[in-house]
Amino acid sequence: MPRRSPRELRAPVSGGRSGAPGTLLVGACPGPPACTAVHTHLFVDGLDVITRSDSRMAGLAPGLLLRPGGPLHPADTPRTVDVAAPEGPDPGPDRLTVRVRLRGGTVVWSDLMYPGADGAVVEEVRFRLDQYLGEIGRAYAALHGPP
């Protein structure tokens, strides 16, 4: 079997090489006694982006990430968003980030590097705006009640 170059192992968009939009699912750990603190889980096409990107990290607080108009809400101007930090009482300066931007009816996350379901590196994912905002709103309301 011929060796494949690192470039061939990269999947530019989640949802397969067809470029189909990915699906976002947001979950939250309630904190003690299950976990050391309340934190967010971000699943893209069923894969935990935070754990697959860096297993030492835990998602930041849902109240921070999911609040209306918060950092995960897309805008025309791209922005880099901290989504996770190392677990522990003193998380330190390391952060896991994604670049979030709105392109028409599509939300784009870029600057990613995690293994997809097929083992290829996922560098960018795209979501339908309605599904993305609906999921962020649903997760926020489940934790805090409707905005």
Protein backbone atom coordinates (compact mmCIF):
# COMPACT_ATOMS: atom_id res chain seq x y z
CA MET A 1 0.00 0.00 0.00
CA PRO A 2 1.53 3.38 -0.96
CA ARG A 3 2.22 5.92 1.78
CA ARG A 4 -0.02 8.95 1.81
CA SER A 5 1.29 12.43 2.38
CA PRO A 6 0.06 14.45 5.39
CA ARG A 7 -1.86 16.66 2.95
CA GLU A 8 -3.81 13.64 1.66
CA LEU A 9 -4.75 12.69 5.22
CA ARG A 10 -6.42 16.02 5.88
CA ALA A 11 -10.16 16.46 5.57
CA PRO A 12 -10.84 20.14 4.91
CA VAL A 13 -14.49 20.07 6.00
CA SER A 14 -16.42 17.88 8.40
CA GLY A 15 -19.30 15.83 7.09
CA GLY A 16 -17.08 13.97 4.67
CA ARG A 17 -15.11 15.10 1.69
CA SER A 18 -18.33 16.07 -0.06
CA GLY A 19 -18.40 19.32 1.91
CA ALA A 20 -21.82 18.57 3.42
CA PRO A 21 -22.54 20.71 6.51
CA GLY A 22 -21.60 19.24 9.86
CA THR A 23 -23.96 18.84 12.79
CA LEU A 24 -23.28 20.55 16.12
CA LEU A 25 -24.42 19.04 19.42
CA VAL A 26 -23.66 20.83 22.68
CA GLY A 27 -23.59 19.11 26.05
CA ALA A 28 -22.54 20.14 29.53
CA CYS A 29 -21.08 18.34 32.50
CA PRO A 30 -22.91 19.46 35.65
CA GLY A 31 -19.78 19.65 37.78
CA PRO A 32 -19.23 17.86 41.12
CA PRO A 33 -19.42 15.01 41.81
CA ALA A 34 -19.24 13.95 38.14
CA CYS A 35 -16.51 16.47 37.22
CA THR A 36 -14.35 19.04 38.97
CA ALA A 37 -16.32 21.93 37.43
CA VAL A 38 -19.19 22.67 35.05
CA HIS A 39 -17.91 22.55 31.48
CA THR A 40 -19.11 22.42 27.89
CA HIS A 41 -18.81 19.53 25.44
CA LEU A 42 -18.84 20.38 21.73
CA PHE A 43 -19.67 17.49 19.41
CA VAL A 44 -19.32 17.81 15.64
CA ASP A 45 -20.83 14.94 13.69
CA GLY A 46 -20.86 12.91 16.91
CA LEU A 47 -17.18 13.51 17.77
CA ASP A 48 -16.08 15.40 20.89
CA VAL A 49 -13.96 18.17 19.36
CA ILE A 50 -12.33 19.21 22.64
CA THR A 51 -11.26 15.73 23.78
CA ARG A 52 -10.09 14.74 20.30
CA SER A 53 -8.12 17.98 19.95
CA ASP A 54 -6.40 17.77 23.36
CA SER A 55 -7.44 15.22 26.00
CA ARG A 56 -5.96 17.40 28.77
CA MET A 57 -8.55 20.10 28.10
CA ALA A 58 -12.08 20.64 29.38
CA GLY A 59 -14.61 22.95 27.77
CA LEU A 60 -15.15 26.36 29.29
CA ALA A 61 -18.33 27.14 31.25
CA PRO A 62 -21.56 26.92 29.21
CA GLY A 63 -22.70 30.27 30.60
CA LEU A 64 -19.66 31.85 28.99
CA LEU A 65 -19.67 30.05 25.64
CA LEU A 66 -23.40 29.71 24.96
CA ARG A 67 -24.93 32.94 26.26
CA PRO A 68 -26.92 34.98 23.73
CA GLY A 69 -24.47 37.06 21.72
CA GLY A 70 -21.60 35.14 23.36
CA PRO A 71 -18.33 34.06 21.79
CA LEU A 72 -19.73 31.09 19.83
CA HIS A 73 -22.39 33.24 18.17
CA PRO A 74 -21.18 33.92 14.62
CA ALA A 75 -20.57 37.32 13.11
CA ASP A 76 -19.41 38.53 9.72
CA THR A 77 -16.05 39.45 11.24
CA PRO A 78 -14.07 36.30 12.13
CA ARG A 79 -12.99 35.95 15.74
CA THR A 80 -10.86 33.52 17.67
CA VAL A 81 -12.75 31.94 20.56
CA ASP A 82 -11.31 30.12 23.58
CA VAL A 83 -13.42 26.97 23.97
CA ALA A 84 -11.34 24.90 26.45
CA ALA A 85 -8.53 25.06 28.99
CA PRO A 86 -6.55 22.43 30.90
CA GLU A 87 -8.51 20.83 33.72
CA GLY A 88 -7.56 21.64 37.27
CA PRO A 89 -7.83 24.36 39.87
CA ASP A 90 -5.29 26.57 38.07
CA PRO A 91 -5.93 26.14 34.32
CA GLY A 92 -2.95 28.24 33.23
CA PRO A 93 -2.54 30.18 29.97
CA ASP A 94 -2.98 27.29 27.49
CA ARG A 95 -6.29 27.37 25.64
CA LEU A 96 -7.96 25.44 22.85
CA THR A 97 -9.36 27.91 20.33
CA VAL A 98 -11.50 27.90 17.20
CA ARG A 99 -11.96 30.67 14.66
CA VAL A 100 -15.69 31.38 14.19
CA ARG A 101 -17.15 33.30 11.28
CA LEU A 102 -20.40 33.68 9.40
CA ARG A 103 -20.42 33.26 5.64
CA GLY A 104 -23.92 33.80 4.29
CA GLY A 105 -26.08 31.05 5.81
CA THR A 106 -23.06 29.03 6.93
CA VAL A 107 -21.12 29.14 10.20
CA VAL A 108 -17.46 28.19 9.70
CA TRP A 109 -15.11 26.94 12.41
CA SER A 110 -11.48 26.93 11.29
CA ASP A 111 -8.00 26.55 12.78
CA LEU A 112 -8.96 23.09 14.05
CA MET A 113 -6.73 20.02 14.20
CA TYR A 114 -8.46 16.86 15.39
CA PRO A 115 -8.83 13.37 13.94
CA GLY A 116 -12.14 12.79 12.21
CA ALA A 117 -14.10 9.53 12.21
CA ASP A 118 -12.01 8.30 9.26
CA GLY A 119 -8.72 9.26 10.95
CA ALA A 120 -8.11 12.21 8.62
CA VAL A 121 -7.27 15.54 10.27
CA VAL A 122 -10.22 17.94 10.37
CA GLU A 123 -9.12 21.55 9.98
CA GLU A 124 -12.43 23.23 9.26
CA VAL A 125 -16.11 22.49 9.83
CA ARG A 126 -19.18 24.20 8.45
CA PHE A 127 -22.68 24.29 9.87
CA ARG A 128 -26.03 25.44 8.57
CA LEU A 129 -26.78 28.67 10.45
CA ASP A 130 -30.26 27.56 11.56
CA GLN A 131 -29.02 24.24 13.00
CA TYR A 132 -26.06 25.89 14.70
CA LEU A 133 -28.00 28.70 16.38
CA GLY A 134 -30.82 26.31 17.28
CA GLU A 135 -28.41 23.96 19.06
CA ILE A 136 -26.62 26.74 20.95
CA GLY A 137 -29.99 28.16 22.02
CA ARG A 138 -31.31 24.74 23.04
CA ALA A 139 -28.24 23.98 25.15
CA TYR A 140 -28.28 27.39 26.82
CA ALA A 141 -32.00 27.12 27.63
CA ALA A 142 -31.53 23.60 29.04
CA LEU A 143 -29.00 24.99 31.53
CA HIS A 144 -30.33 28.48 32.23
CA GLY A 145 -33.91 28.67 31.00
CA PRO A 146 -34.96 30.66 27.93
CA PRO A 147 -33.03 33.92 27.33
